[in-house]
Protein backbone atom coordinates (compact mmCIF):
# COMPACT_ATOMS: atom_id res chain seq x y z
CA MET A 1 0.00 0.00 0.00
CA PRO A 2 1.34 3.49 -0.80
CA ILE A 3 2.82 5.32 2.20
CA GLU A 4 2.03 8.95 2.95
CA ILE A 5 5.03 11.11 3.86
CA LEU A 6 3.82 13.69 6.38
CA MET A 7 5.12 17.15 7.24
CA PRO A 8 7.39 16.41 10.23
CA ALA A 9 7.52 18.22 13.57
CA LEU A 10 11.20 19.16 13.66
CA SER A 11 10.97 20.90 17.04
CA PRO A 12 8.64 20.60 20.06
CA THR A 13 7.00 23.97 19.27
CA MET A 14 6.64 23.53 15.51
CA GLU A 15 3.03 23.69 14.28
CA GLU A 16 3.65 24.51 10.62
CA GLY A 17 6.58 24.99 8.29
CA THR A 18 7.70 25.93 4.81
CA LEU A 19 8.70 23.24 2.34
CA ALA A 20 11.77 25.13 1.21
CA LYS A 21 13.21 22.63 -1.28
CA TRP A 22 12.62 19.11 -2.53
CA LEU A 23 15.82 17.05 -2.73
CA VAL A 24 14.06 14.27 -4.68
CA LYS A 25 11.67 14.17 -7.63
CA GLU A 26 8.83 11.90 -8.65
CA GLY A 27 10.17 8.52 -9.78
CA ASP A 28 13.29 8.63 -7.58
CA THR A 29 14.08 5.56 -5.46
CA VAL A 30 14.84 6.38 -1.81
CA SER A 31 16.07 4.36 1.14
CA SER A 32 15.76 4.92 4.87
CA GLY A 33 18.06 7.80 5.84
CA ASP A 34 18.09 9.45 2.41
CA LEU A 35 17.43 13.20 2.39
CA LEU A 36 13.99 14.06 1.02
CA ALA A 37 13.54 17.79 1.52
CA GLU A 38 14.64 20.95 3.31
CA ILE A 39 12.02 22.17 5.78
CA GLU A 40 12.08 25.74 7.10
CA THR A 41 10.80 26.00 10.67
CA ASP A 42 10.33 29.16 12.72
CA LYS A 43 14.02 29.01 13.66
CA ALA A 44 16.06 27.13 11.10
CA THR A 45 16.12 25.28 7.79
CA MET A 46 16.56 21.57 8.48
CA GLU A 47 16.97 18.48 6.30
CA PHE A 48 14.22 15.85 6.42
CA GLU A 49 15.21 12.19 6.05
CA ALA A 50 13.21 9.25 4.72
CA VAL A 51 12.11 6.62 7.21
CA ASP A 52 10.85 4.04 4.70
CA GLU A 53 12.17 2.90 1.35
CA GLY A 54 10.38 2.99 -1.97
CA VAL A 55 9.77 5.14 -5.02
CA VAL A 56 8.51 8.74 -4.84
CA GLY A 57 5.14 8.30 -6.53
CA LYS A 58 3.65 11.75 -6.09
CA ILE A 59 4.73 15.07 -4.60
CA LEU A 60 1.63 16.63 -3.01
CA ILE A 61 3.07 19.89 -1.69
CA SER A 62 5.09 21.98 -4.10
CA GLU A 63 8.48 23.50 -3.35
CA GLY A 64 8.21 26.88 -1.61
CA SER A 65 4.79 26.23 -0.05
CA GLU A 66 4.39 28.10 3.24
CA GLY A 67 2.22 27.41 6.28
CA VAL A 68 2.10 23.64 5.78
CA LYS A 69 0.65 22.16 8.97
CA VAL A 70 2.48 19.39 10.81
CA ASN A 71 1.21 15.90 9.77
CA THR A 72 -0.13 17.16 6.44
CA PRO A 73 0.68 14.66 3.62
CA ILE A 74 3.44 16.14 1.46
CA ALA A 75 4.29 13.19 -0.77
CA VAL A 76 3.42 9.54 -1.43
CA LEU A 77 5.94 6.69 -1.42
CA LEU A 78 5.29 3.57 -3.53
CA GLY A 79 6.46 0.06 -2.66
CA ASP A 80 7.47 -2.84 -4.92
CA GLY A 81 4.94 -3.54 -7.62
CA GLU A 82 2.92 -0.40 -6.94
CA SER A 83 2.30 2.35 -9.46
CA ALA A 84 1.00 5.89 -9.44
CA ASP A 85 -2.46 4.46 -10.25
CA ASP A 86 -2.56 2.95 -6.75
CA ILE A 87 -2.30 6.33 -5.05
CA SER A 88 -5.99 7.23 -5.32
CA SER A 89 -7.04 4.02 -3.58
CA GLY A 90 -4.18 3.54 -1.14
CA ALA A 91 -3.33 7.08 -0.05
CA ALA A 92 -4.76 10.55 0.12
CA PRO A 93 -5.57 12.09 -3.29
CA ALA A 94 -2.86 14.25 -4.78
CA ALA A 95 -4.66 17.48 -4.00
CA PRO A 96 -3.13 20.78 -5.08
CA ALA A 97 -0.84 22.35 -2.49
CA ALA A 98 -3.32 25.13 -1.73
CA ALA A 99 -6.10 22.65 -0.86
CA ALA A 100 -4.07 19.84 0.75
CA ALA A 101 -3.71 21.47 4.16
CA GLU A 102 -7.39 22.39 4.24
CA GLU A 103 -8.70 18.90 3.40
CA ALA A 104 -6.34 17.03 5.76
CA PRO A 105 -8.88 17.03 8.66
CA ALA A 106 -11.59 15.64 6.38
CA ALA A 107 -9.25 12.91 5.10
CA THR A 108 -8.42 11.95 8.69
CA GLU A 109 -12.10 11.64 9.57
CA LYS A 110 -12.72 9.37 6.56
CA ALA A 111 -9.87 7.09 7.56
CA ALA A 112 -11.20 6.81 11.12
CA ALA A 113 -14.81 5.94 10.22
CA PRO A 114 -16.44 3.57 7.71
CA ASP A 115 -17.91 4.92 4.50
CA THR A 116 -21.43 4.19 5.80
CA SER A 117 -21.19 6.87 8.49
CA PRO A 118 -24.68 8.06 9.54
CA SER A 119 -23.72 11.72 9.21
CA PRO A 120 -21.60 12.21 6.08
CA ALA A 121 -20.62 15.58 4.70
CA PRO A 122 -23.32 17.15 2.51
CA ALA A 123 -23.38 15.71 -1.00
CA ALA A 124 -22.01 17.78 -3.84
CA PRO A 125 -24.89 20.01 -4.92
CA ALA A 126 -25.78 20.94 -8.46
CA ALA A 127 -26.21 24.42 -9.86
CA THR A 128 -29.53 25.58 -11.28
CA ASP A 129 -28.33 24.83 -14.81
CA GLY A 130 -27.64 21.19 -13.86
CA SER A 131 -23.84 21.46 -13.75
CA ARG A 132 -21.97 20.08 -10.75
CA ILE A 133 -20.59 22.45 -8.13
CA PHE A 134 -17.03 21.58 -7.11
CA ALA A 135 -16.35 22.14 -3.39
CA SER A 136 -14.15 20.51 -0.78
CA PRO A 137 -15.85 18.36 1.91
CA LEU A 138 -14.84 20.85 4.58
CA ALA A 139 -16.30 23.73 2.57
CA ARG A 140 -19.60 21.85 2.16
CA ARG A 141 -19.79 21.15 5.89
CA ILE A 142 -19.17 24.79 6.83
CA ALA A 143 -21.69 25.94 4.21
CA ALA A 144 -24.32 23.61 5.66
CA ASP A 145 -23.68 24.90 9.17
CA LYS A 146 -24.00 28.52 8.01
CA GLY A 147 -27.01 27.89 5.79
CA LEU A 148 -25.19 28.94 2.63
CA ASP A 149 -26.15 28.02 -0.92
CA LEU A 150 -22.95 26.87 -2.61
CA ALA A 151 -24.42 27.75 -6.00
CA SER A 152 -24.24 31.42 -5.02
CA LEU A 153 -20.53 31.29 -4.21
CA LYS A 154 -17.53 31.75 -6.48
CA GLY A 155 -14.65 29.38 -5.77
CA SER A 156 -11.05 30.62 -5.44
CA GLY A 157 -9.45 27.18 -5.51
CA PRO A 158 -8.01 25.32 -8.50
CA ARG A 159 -10.46 25.24 -11.45
CA GLY A 160 -12.95 27.30 -9.50
CA ARG A 161 -13.20 24.82 -6.62
CA ILE A 162 -14.96 26.25 -3.55
CA VAL A 163 -12.64 25.98 -0.53
CA LYS A 164 -12.83 26.74 3.16
CA ALA A 165 -11.85 30.42 2.80
CA ASP A 166 -14.70 31.04 0.34
CA VAL A 167 -17.46 29.84 2.67
CA GLU A 168 -15.92 31.40 5.77
CA SER A 169 -15.89 34.83 4.15
CA ALA A 170 -19.45 34.47 2.82
CA THR A 171 -22.48 35.62 4.79
CA ALA A 172 -25.69 33.61 4.98
CA ALA A 173 -29.08 35.23 4.54
CA PRO A 174 -30.08 36.89 7.83
CA LYS A 175 -32.58 35.07 10.03
CA ALA A 176 -35.31 36.81 11.99
CA GLU A 177 -34.33 35.32 15.34
CA VAL A 178 -30.70 36.44 15.10
CA LYS A 179 -31.40 40.03 16.09
CA THR A 180 -31.36 40.19 19.89
CA PRO A 181 -30.47 43.03 22.29
CA ALA A 182 -27.71 41.00 23.93
CA ALA A 183 -25.89 40.35 20.65
CA ALA A 184 -24.30 43.80 20.34
CA PRO A 185 -22.28 43.74 23.61
CA ALA A 186 -21.11 40.19 22.91
CA ALA A 187 -19.87 41.15 19.46
CA ALA A 188 -18.06 44.16 20.86
CA ALA A 189 -16.36 42.04 23.48
CA ALA A 190 -15.15 39.57 20.85
CA ALA A 191 -13.75 42.26 18.54
CA PRO A 192 -9.96 42.11 17.98
CA SER A 193 -7.90 44.55 20.02
CA GLY A 194 -5.78 45.71 17.06
CA ALA A 195 -6.61 47.07 13.63
CA THR A 196 -6.71 44.58 10.78
CA ALA A 197 -4.10 44.58 8.03
CA ASP A 198 -6.64 45.98 5.55
CA ALA A 199 -7.64 48.75 7.96
CA VAL A 200 -4.01 49.79 8.47
CA ALA A 201 -3.31 49.68 4.72
CA LYS A 202 -6.28 51.99 4.07
CA MET A 203 -4.71 54.61 6.34
CA TYR A 204 -1.80 54.83 3.88
CA GLN A 205 -3.70 54.89 0.61
CA GLY A 206 -1.87 57.12 -1.86
CA ARG A 207 1.48 56.66 -0.11
CA ASP A 208 4.23 54.44 -1.49
CA PHE A 209 5.09 51.45 0.68
CA GLU A 210 6.35 47.91 0.37
CA GLU A 211 4.41 45.09 1.99
CA VAL A 212 6.78 42.64 3.66
CA LYS A 213 5.33 39.19 4.27
CA LEU A 214 6.11 37.72 7.70
CA ASP A 215 8.22 34.58 7.66
CA GLY A 216 7.94 31.85 10.29
CA MET A 217 10.65 33.33 12.51
CA ARG A 218 9.14 36.82 12.60
CA LYS A 219 5.67 35.40 13.34
CA THR A 220 7.08 33.38 16.23
CA ILE A 221 9.03 36.33 17.63
CA ALA A 222 5.92 38.51 17.46
CA ALA A 223 3.73 35.90 19.16
CA ARG A 224 6.19 34.92 21.91
CA LEU A 225 7.27 38.44 22.87
CA THR A 226 3.69 39.71 22.87
CA GLU A 227 2.77 36.84 25.16
CA ALA A 228 5.83 37.48 27.34
CA LYS A 229 5.17 41.21 27.75
CA GLN A 230 1.48 40.65 28.49
CA THR A 231 1.74 37.67 30.85
CA ILE A 232 5.09 38.02 32.66
CA PRO A 233 5.13 40.50 35.57
CA HIS A 234 8.41 42.22 34.71
CA PHE A 235 10.38 44.40 37.06
CA TYR A 236 13.76 46.00 36.37
CA LEU A 237 17.01 46.39 38.31
CA ARG A 238 19.80 48.68 37.08
CA ARG A 239 23.48 48.95 37.95
CA ASP A 240 26.61 50.63 36.61
CA ILE A 241 29.71 48.43 36.38
CA GLN A 242 33.27 49.78 36.28
CA LEU A 243 35.20 47.82 33.64
CA ASP A 244 38.74 49.14 33.98
CA ALA A 245 40.04 46.14 35.95
CA LEU A 246 38.33 43.72 33.57
CA LEU A 247 39.67 45.46 30.46
CA LYS A 248 43.22 45.39 31.86
CA PHE A 249 42.91 41.72 32.84
CA ARG A 250 41.41 40.83 29.44
CA GLY A 251 44.30 42.54 27.64
CA GLU A 252 46.86 40.56 29.66
CA LEU A 253 45.07 37.26 29.03
CA ASN A 254 44.74 37.89 25.31
CA LYS A 255 48.48 38.56 25.05
CA GLN A 256 49.21 35.22 26.74
CA LEU A 257 46.62 33.37 24.63
CA GLU A 258 47.69 34.93 21.33
CA GLY A 259 49.81 31.90 20.44
CA ARG A 260 46.75 29.64 20.74
CA GLY A 261 44.66 31.89 18.50
CA VAL A 262 42.28 32.77 21.35
CA LYS A 263 40.89 36.28 21.76
CA LEU A 264 38.49 36.82 24.64
CA SER A 265 35.71 39.39 24.36
CA VAL A 266 34.01 41.34 27.13
CA ASN A 267 30.90 39.29 26.34
CA ASP A 268 32.77 36.09 27.26
CA PHE A 269 33.44 37.54 30.72
CA ILE A 270 29.78 38.57 31.06
CA ILE A 271 28.61 35.01 30.27
CA LYS A 272 30.99 33.61 32.89
CA ALA A 273 29.97 36.26 35.45
CA VAL A 274 26.26 35.46 35.01
CA ALA A 275 26.88 31.71 35.18
CA LEU A 276 28.81 31.98 38.44
CA ALA A 277 26.30 34.42 39.91
CA LEU A 278 23.49 31.89 39.31
CA GLN A 279 25.51 29.43 41.40
CA THR A 280 26.02 32.04 44.10
CA VAL A 281 22.26 32.74 44.25
CA PRO A 282 20.88 29.27 43.39
CA ASP A 283 17.23 30.16 44.05
CA ALA A 284 17.41 32.57 41.10
CA ASN A 285 18.62 29.82 38.79
CA ALA A 286 15.05 28.76 38.00
CA VAL A 287 12.35 28.76 35.34
CA TRP A 288 8.59 29.29 35.45
CA ALA A 289 6.62 26.12 34.63
CA GLY A 290 2.99 27.23 34.82
CA ASP A 291 1.95 25.92 38.23
CA ARG A 292 5.43 25.46 39.67
CA VAL A 293 9.04 26.65 39.56
CA LEU A 294 11.86 24.42 38.34
CA LYS A 295 15.15 25.09 40.12
CA MET A 296 18.08 24.25 37.89
CA LYS A 297 21.36 22.78 39.09
CA ALA A 298 23.61 23.83 36.21
CA SER A 299 24.04 27.36 34.85
CA ASP A 300 22.76 27.15 31.27
CA VAL A 301 23.05 30.68 29.92
CA ALA A 302 21.31 31.81 26.71
CA VAL A 303 22.84 34.61 24.64
CA ALA A 304 20.85 36.60 22.07
CA VAL A 305 22.40 36.58 18.59
CA ALA A 306 21.04 38.94 15.94
CA ILE A 307 20.54 37.44 12.49
CA GLU A 308 18.92 38.75 9.34
CA GLY A 309 15.18 38.98 9.97
CA GLY A 310 15.24 38.02 13.65
CA LEU A 311 17.33 36.53 16.42
CA PHE A 312 18.38 33.27 18.07
CA THR A 313 19.21 32.62 21.71
CA PRO A 314 21.67 29.72 21.65
CA VAL A 315 22.31 28.17 25.06
CA LEU A 316 25.76 27.55 26.54
CA GLN A 317 25.20 24.63 28.89
CA ASP A 318 27.20 24.24 32.12
CA SER A 319 28.72 27.69 31.63
CA HIS A 320 29.88 27.88 35.24
CA MET A 321 32.17 24.86 34.71
CA LYS A 322 33.83 25.99 31.47
CA SER A 323 36.95 28.11 31.07
CA LEU A 324 36.77 31.53 29.46
CA SER A 325 38.56 30.24 26.36
CA ALA A 326 36.11 27.32 26.05
CA LEU A 327 33.12 29.67 26.41
CA SER A 328 34.63 32.00 23.81
CA ALA A 329 35.13 29.21 21.25
CA GLU A 330 31.66 27.76 21.85
CA MET A 331 29.99 31.17 21.59
CA LYS A 332 31.74 31.95 18.31
CA ASP A 333 30.66 28.59 16.87
CA LEU A 334 27.03 28.97 18.00
CA ALA A 335 26.84 32.55 16.72
CA LYS A 336 28.19 31.58 13.29
CA ARG A 337 25.79 28.66 12.90
CA ALA A 338 22.91 30.81 14.19
CA ARG A 339 23.54 33.35 11.42
CA ASP A 340 23.62 30.48 8.91
CA ARG A 341 20.40 29.08 10.47
CA LYS A 342 22.15 25.78 11.09
CA LEU A 343 21.45 25.36 14.80
CA ALA A 344 19.70 22.21 15.99
CA PRO A 345 16.64 22.75 18.26
CA HIS A 346 18.44 21.47 21.38
CA GLU A 347 21.06 24.20 20.91
CA TYR A 348 18.61 27.10 21.28
CA GLN A 349 16.06 25.61 23.67
CA GLY A 350 16.34 25.62 27.45
CA GLY A 351 18.47 27.76 29.73
CA SER A 352 17.31 29.63 32.81
CA PHE A 353 18.72 33.11 32.17
CA ALA A 354 19.60 35.14 29.09
CA ILE A 355 21.99 37.91 28.04
CA SER A 356 21.26 40.53 25.39
CA ASN A 357 24.27 42.71 24.58
CA LEU A 358 23.76 45.80 22.41
CA GLY A 359 26.89 47.54 23.64
CA MET A 360 28.73 46.87 20.37
CA PHE A 361 26.00 48.90 18.61
CA GLY A 362 26.68 51.97 20.77
CA ILE A 363 23.57 51.57 22.97
CA ASP A 364 24.16 52.94 26.47
CA ASN A 365 21.27 51.12 28.16
CA PHE A 366 17.96 49.45 27.38
CA ASP A 367 15.32 47.14 28.87
CA ALA A 368 15.00 43.62 27.44
CA ILE A 369 11.90 41.39 27.48
CA VAL A 370 12.13 38.16 29.47
CA ASN A 371 12.17 35.13 27.17
CA PRO A 372 9.88 32.50 28.74
CA PRO A 373 10.36 30.25 30.58
CA HIS A 374 13.53 32.08 31.73
CA ALA A 375 13.39 33.95 35.03
CA GLY A 376 15.41 36.92 33.81
CA ILE A 377 17.52 38.57 31.14
CA LEU A 378 20.48 40.95 31.44
CA ALA A 379 20.48 43.87 28.99
CA VAL A 380 24.06 45.06 28.49
CA GLY A 381 25.03 48.51 27.22
CA SER A 382 28.34 49.86 25.95
CA GLY A 383 31.29 50.76 28.12
CA VAL A 384 31.87 54.53 28.07
CA LYS A 385 34.25 56.87 29.84
CA LYS A 386 32.53 58.66 32.73
CA PRO A 387 33.56 60.73 35.75
CA VAL A 388 33.17 58.72 38.95
CA VAL A 389 33.95 59.29 42.60
CA GLY A 390 36.57 56.83 43.87
CA THR A 391 36.63 55.10 47.25
CA ASP A 392 39.02 57.79 48.47
CA GLY A 393 36.50 60.51 47.56
CA GLU A 394 38.50 61.79 44.60
CA LEU A 395 36.98 62.36 41.17
CA LYS A 396 38.40 60.16 38.42
CA VAL A 397 37.56 58.90 34.94
CA ALA A 398 36.47 55.25 34.60
CA THR A 399 35.01 53.01 31.89
CA VAL A 400 31.44 52.37 32.98
CA MET A 401 28.98 49.86 31.55
CA SER A 402 25.27 50.17 32.32
CA VAL A 403 23.21 46.99 32.71
CA THR A 404 19.50 46.41 33.30
CA MET A 405 18.19 43.09 34.60
CA SER A 406 14.58 42.31 33.62
CA VAL A 407 13.10 39.83 36.07
CA ASP A 408 10.02 37.59 36.21
CA HIS A 409 8.49 38.46 39.60
CA ARG A 410 6.76 35.06 39.76
CA VAL A 411 10.17 33.41 40.14
CA ILE A 412 12.48 36.07 41.58
CA ASP A 413 11.54 38.67 44.18
CA GLY A 414 13.19 42.07 44.50
CA ALA A 415 15.75 41.19 47.18
CA MET A 416 16.77 37.98 45.42
CA GLY A 417 17.12 39.84 42.14
CA ALA A 418 19.27 42.46 43.85
CA ASP A 419 21.53 39.71 45.25
CA LEU A 420 21.90 38.15 41.80
CA LEU A 421 22.77 41.45 40.13
CA LYS A 422 25.22 42.26 42.94
CA ALA A 423 27.00 38.93 42.34
CA ILE A 424 27.23 39.68 38.61
CA VAL A 425 28.70 43.13 39.30
CA GLU A 426 31.26 41.77 41.78
CA ASN A 427 32.40 39.12 39.28
CA LEU A 428 32.92 41.69 36.52
CA GLU A 429 34.60 44.32 38.70
CA ASN A 430 36.91 41.67 40.20
CA PRO A 431 37.58 39.38 37.23
CA MET A 432 40.35 37.40 38.96
CA MET A 433 37.62 35.95 41.22
CA MET A 434 36.10 34.15 38.24
CA LEU A 435 39.26 32.05 37.86
CA ALA A 436 39.47 31.04 41.50
């Protein structure tokens, strides 16, 4: 029997993806482990391997198709002695890419129940001139629920086929009993909080603009950060850190490590300082898990890396146990592969605390948004020369870096957050302590 190849879930949070590229074509023979396609998730483009062996009988989803739901059939694999003629009886029909995702639920229902189901989808109706009306099973079901006459609708699918979007956007004839006094408040309450895309576009009629379609990464960033800002009770702690001792120590280390090709950055010291501080204040090394808090043993520190069109937060596991040179090498590798979108899911998932450093862009200070389920994130500004009062009361010039720690109040209270930030400051202002 032909085997359906389904859109895989390449990460725990993946709900849909883009079929970026087919690496096989119809008629090709594949074995288990052979590469079939490149799938673009919300974070990376990953290769998809075959599990079974056979011949690619039909490609159902075309190259470049976006928004393909997980578990949607994307191709059909034929076994020995099978031909493309067997596909219609042994697997889902080779529906066009635009309709395949829509009809997947209907196909699943058919497979789960016998053909003699007592409540089948409405039969395909005929138009007034006797010609058949082509509509998907899902479109017929929705039309029946809404009381719509399919003959009055114009299909936008292939060959004029009526699809889900056509019936959802259509309005049935009004019924007398629909008009009730209580309906108006309910409708107002259900109205979306933001303006629709069409409404915003109308505001700029007559002005030149380019419409940029959101890719999977940008959609995910928008959804997660909106959720984070709305649901996490943020509070913010700010400190200035004097970097002169660290910069001097870094210069000395880099001279000694020059022969090994190692060059430490200030960011490497910040990662180490945060990792050790989480061990100093272990109650802050935790994540929010809905109805409980998970206290972590190791310091797994996430670091934001800007890439074209978005960002990654690769995680450096066991950062408190690694040397500065090891952290530096690992961070460089993760950052390079993040920009190439070659990170595996386990490399950017997890961690209990994050660092976002915009100092290299000349930003003095800023407030970052906590990335759930992390308990906090350290926003790092640039080091600038400032006048400061020394311990002896004399005015001097020092290199000062401003940091802001955004904290999830459900996990970390004010005093605990202050202790954590104090430990970070002490590590950076006394860098020799981080090697002890």
